[in-house]
Amino acid sequence: MEKALQQSHGMSYAEYQRNLDKRIEVEKAREKSYMESARIVLEANK
């Protein structure tokens, strides 16, 4: 998880844990990515 977080968001897990603003930023990016993926899957299944 540490390596994935570092590669995807440019921060360590420790930094993610202690900084609420960065944690919110990461979770918003994850949700956006998930929604884009879900939209693509929905379009592909039409």
N, C-alpha and C. Protein backbone atom coordinates (compact mmCIF):
# COMPACT_ATOMS: atom_id res chain seq x y z
N MET A 1 0.82 -1.18 0.00
CA MET A 1 0.00 0.00 0.00
C MET A 1 0.87 1.26 0.00
N GLU A 2 1.97 1.20 0.75
CA GLU A 2 2.88 2.35 0.82
C GLU A 2 3.39 2.73 -0.57
N LYS A 3 3.82 1.72 -1.32
CA LYS A 3 4.39 1.99 -2.65
C LYS A 3 3.31 2.54 -3.59
N ALA A 4 2.13 1.98 -3.55
CA ALA A 4 1.04 2.44 -4.40
C ALA A 4 0.65 3.88 -4.07
N LEU A 5 0.58 4.19 -2.80
CA LEU A 5 0.25 5.55 -2.38
C LEU A 5 1.32 6.53 -2.84
N GLN A 6 2.57 6.12 -2.70
CA GLN A 6 3.69 6.97 -3.12
C GLN A 6 3.65 7.21 -4.63
N GLN A 7 3.41 6.15 -5.40
CA GLN A 7 3.39 6.28 -6.86
C GLN A 7 2.18 7.05 -7.35
N SER A 8 1.03 6.81 -6.77
CA SER A 8 -0.20 7.44 -7.24
C SER A 8 -0.36 8.88 -6.78
N HIS A 9 0.05 9.16 -5.55
CA HIS A 9 -0.25 10.47 -4.98
C HIS A 9 0.98 11.23 -4.48
N GLY A 10 2.14 10.62 -4.59
CA GLY A 10 3.37 11.31 -4.24
C GLY A 10 3.56 11.58 -2.76
N MET A 11 3.03 10.70 -1.90
CA MET A 11 3.22 10.90 -0.46
C MET A 11 3.32 9.55 0.24
N SER A 12 3.96 9.56 1.40
CA SER A 12 4.09 8.33 2.17
C SER A 12 2.80 8.07 2.94
N TYR A 13 2.67 6.83 3.42
CA TYR A 13 1.48 6.48 4.20
C TYR A 13 1.46 7.26 5.51
N ALA A 14 2.63 7.48 6.11
CA ALA A 14 2.70 8.25 7.35
C ALA A 14 2.19 9.68 7.13
N GLU A 15 2.58 10.27 6.02
CA GLU A 15 2.11 11.62 5.69
C GLU A 15 0.60 11.60 5.46
N TYR A 16 0.11 10.58 4.77
CA TYR A 16 -1.32 10.42 4.52
C TYR A 16 -2.08 10.34 5.84
N GLN A 17 -1.55 9.58 6.78
CA GLN A 17 -2.23 9.40 8.07
C GLN A 17 -2.28 10.67 8.91
N ARG A 18 -1.21 11.45 8.91
CA ARG A 18 -1.15 12.57 9.85
C ARG A 18 -1.70 13.88 9.29
N ASN A 19 -1.96 13.96 7.99
CA ASN A 19 -2.41 15.22 7.40
C ASN A 19 -3.81 15.05 6.81
N LEU A 20 -4.81 15.57 7.51
CA LEU A 20 -6.20 15.39 7.10
C LEU A 20 -6.48 15.99 5.73
N ASP A 21 -5.92 17.16 5.44
CA ASP A 21 -6.15 17.80 4.14
C ASP A 21 -5.65 16.93 2.99
N LYS A 22 -4.47 16.34 3.17
CA LYS A 22 -3.92 15.46 2.13
C LYS A 22 -4.73 14.19 2.01
N ARG A 23 -5.22 13.67 3.14
CA ARG A 23 -6.05 12.47 3.11
C ARG A 23 -7.35 12.74 2.33
N ILE A 24 -7.96 13.88 2.56
CA ILE A 24 -9.18 14.24 1.84
C ILE A 24 -8.89 14.39 0.35
N GLU A 25 -7.78 15.02 0.03
CA GLU A 25 -7.39 15.19 -1.37
C GLU A 25 -7.22 13.83 -2.07
N VAL A 26 -6.55 12.89 -1.39
CA VAL A 26 -6.34 11.55 -1.95
C VAL A 26 -7.68 10.84 -2.13
N GLU A 27 -8.55 10.91 -1.14
CA GLU A 27 -9.83 10.21 -1.23
C GLU A 27 -10.72 10.81 -2.32
N LYS A 28 -10.67 12.11 -2.51
CA LYS A 28 -11.43 12.73 -3.61
C LYS A 28 -10.91 12.26 -4.96
N ALA A 29 -9.59 12.15 -5.09
CA ALA A 29 -8.99 11.67 -6.34
C ALA A 29 -9.37 10.21 -6.59
N ARG A 30 -9.39 9.41 -5.53
CA ARG A 30 -9.79 8.01 -5.67
C ARG A 30 -11.25 7.90 -6.11
N GLU A 31 -12.10 8.71 -5.51
CA GLU A 31 -13.52 8.67 -5.88
C GLU A 31 -13.72 9.11 -7.33
N LYS A 32 -13.00 10.15 -7.74
CA LYS A 32 -13.10 10.62 -9.13
C LYS A 32 -12.66 9.53 -10.09
N SER A 33 -11.56 8.87 -9.77
CA SER A 33 -11.05 7.78 -10.62
C SER A 33 -12.07 6.64 -10.69
N TYR A 34 -12.66 6.30 -9.56
CA TYR A 34 -13.66 5.24 -9.51
C TYR A 34 -14.87 5.60 -10.37
N MET A 35 -15.34 6.83 -10.26
CA MET A 35 -16.52 7.25 -11.02
C MET A 35 -16.22 7.25 -12.52
N GLU A 36 -15.03 7.67 -12.92
CA GLU A 36 -14.66 7.64 -14.33
C GLU A 36 -14.61 6.20 -14.84
N SER A 37 -14.06 5.31 -14.03
CA SER A 37 -14.00 3.90 -14.42
C SER A 37 -15.40 3.30 -14.54
N ALA A 38 -16.25 3.62 -13.59
CA ALA A 38 -17.62 3.10 -13.62
C ALA A 38 -18.36 3.61 -14.86
N ARG A 39 -18.12 4.87 -15.23
CA ARG A 39 -18.76 5.43 -16.42
C ARG A 39 -18.29 4.70 -17.68
N ILE A 40 -16.99 4.44 -17.75
CA ILE A 40 -16.43 3.74 -18.91
C ILE A 40 -17.01 2.33 -19.02
N VAL A 41 -17.11 1.64 -17.91
CA VAL A 41 -17.68 0.29 -17.91
C VAL A 41 -19.14 0.33 -18.34
N LEU A 42 -19.88 1.31 -17.84
CA LEU A 42 -21.29 1.44 -18.21
C LEU A 42 -21.44 1.68 -19.71
N GLU A 43 -20.60 2.55 -20.26
CA GLU A 43 -20.66 2.82 -21.69
C GLU A 43 -20.26 1.59 -22.51
N ALA A 44 -19.31 0.84 -22.03
CA ALA A 44 -18.85 -0.36 -22.75
C ALA A 44 -19.92 -1.45 -22.74
N ASN A 45 -20.76 -1.45 -21.74
CA ASN A 45 -21.78 -2.49 -21.61
C ASN A 45 -23.09 -2.13 -22.31
N LYS A 46 -23.14 -1.02 -22.98
CA LYS A 46 -24.37 -0.62 -23.68
C LYS A 46 -24.56 -1.42 -24.93
